[in-house]
Amino acid sequence: MDGMRKLAIIFGLLLLVAPAMADVFQAPGPVTPLNKIDKLVFAKWQQLGITPALGCSDAVFLRRAYLGVIGTLPTESETKAFLTDRDSAKRAKLIDRLLDRPEFADYWAMKWGDLLRVKAEFPIILWPDAAQAYTHWIHQAVQQNMPLDQFARDLLTGNGSNFRVGQANFYRAVTSKTPRGIAQAVALTFLGARADKWPDAQLDGLAQFFVQVGFKHTGEWKEEIVYFDQVRAATRPSHAMFPDGKAVDVPGDRDPRQVFADWLLSPGNEWFARAMTNRVWFWLLGRGIIQEPDDIRPDNPPSNPELLAYLQQELVADHYDMKQLFRLILNSQTFQMSCVAADHTGGGEAQFASFPIRRLGAEVFADALCQITGSSEEYSTETPEPFTFIPTGTRTIDLPDGSISSAFLDLFGRPPRDTGMESERNNRATPDQRLHLLNSNHIRKKLEGSKWLQSMPIDRGLNPAAITEVYLTILNRYPSDEEIQTAMKYAKSGVVYRQEALVDVAWALLNSAEFAYQH
């Protein structure tokens, strides 16, 4: 590495100190409850003697809401508009706008794709055409805000061609098509439970609902029909048992999957509402009320039972409207806490006394880099169905198949979609990731080829206006006076050309923890 890059690294390290001194993450003043969620959370803090963090600043909220709701960074103009808005209801209005953005369906179709194992190749082996159909159905369901109970019912009772009926792929997107293998996938997806740890009798009882799931090939290569196999009378459920231990006799002419769906989605059954509520909370705050979100069991109780019960009731009362559940959580003070913890006793994390910090997901990270630099990624698949090369300009969160990958996505922990477990996604920072951001041709070419950076008017030297634009674009906030002076001092050192100094400012910010993490 040459001397210029070494100096740029030092410059980047200096910038990392500035946000802490500028205190950009917190809003002054004590936090107060905004809704019923907060009353339940605040009561738990008081009960346990936990000191909460302050609220987050507008800049932090803006970035957090964009990344959490649509998996996309706000633009410079969106950032300036929000930060200069004096409307006291601007946060609630922003939430409503984000929930109506088309990127909402893109991002949450991707998240459901992880959970539902949308993957063409080994070990799921849906094949590309089926993965496309499955993704399309999921995306359409999210876009139309299909109620979660209907979403689950369609998946559980789906029949038809895996190439033409997207939801039928639920029964093919498993590593084992045996009744037990299907039962484990059902429990993980809709109950948030790891049924492989259940007693044999409980798992076998659930498996009985899926013994008549049939699969047959057609004349089209790799196409398969999922159907209710009434001919298999010898395997008709005889000892079916719901996960709560209640036995049931399934009529011979009725699809057992429908019987299970009726039980699962009945308003008085808390299993499904609990799992969906806890998972949405985990998705938005980075930690479940029951942690892990797919390890619900009697000896893993919720950290705040009253909170979970309230959210379950609201979900059912709102007819399983996922967006309404989002709106309820996002408008809470609990979601809007600062990431700077005030309690260091160890109990604050589980009680959401500060916002959990986590690294950007691989797909969101890739798209953020492309958005900032005006570049794109190239993706391809080894299986030329329906095409080998993904169309140029396709965002990473829009990839329809978990088999389509890249060195960057692999490095940054994109889930393989083999099991549908949340732990497949690895958001831990590694030395290799840091080296890639610091010293790879991939990042260097994006920055040096950025038309945005190259077109900025800095003929008279790096100026505060240019530095401010870079901060608003990358970190979604205004720089402090100290940060501006640090950048100006670096640019005036004479070791780099003016335009190159601006690239180095952007490069340093992209290497900061503030950029890499959702906070």
Foldseek 3Di string as FASTA:
>chain_A
DDPVLVVLQVLLVVVQPFCVVVVQFADDDADDWDDPLVVLLVVVCVVVVFAFFHFTDQLLLQQLLCCLQQLAGDFLVVLVVRVPDPDPCSLLVVLVVSLLDLSNLLQVLLVVCLLLLLACDPPLNLHDLLLLLQSVVSSVCSNVLPFPLVVLLCLLAPWFKSNHHNSPCSCSRFNDNQLLRSLQSNCLRQQLARCVPPPPLLSVLSSLLRRQFDWDDDPDPSIIITDRRLVVQVSRRDFHAHNVGHTDDDDSVDRSSVVNSCVSPDLVHQRRLLLVLQVSCCSSQVAGLQPPSSHDDPVRDGVRVVSSVVLSVVCVVVSRRVSVSVSVVSSTSLSRFGQDGPGDPPSCVSSSSHGDKFFRQLQSLQQLLCVLQVAWDWWADPDQVVHGTDDTPDRSSNDSHLRTDDPSNVQQFDASSRRSGPVSRDRDDDPVNLCCLSPNPVSVCSLVVRPVLVPDDAPVADDQVLLQSLCCRQLSDGRDPVSRVSLRVSRPPPPDDRSVSSSSSNSSSSSHPSRRMSD
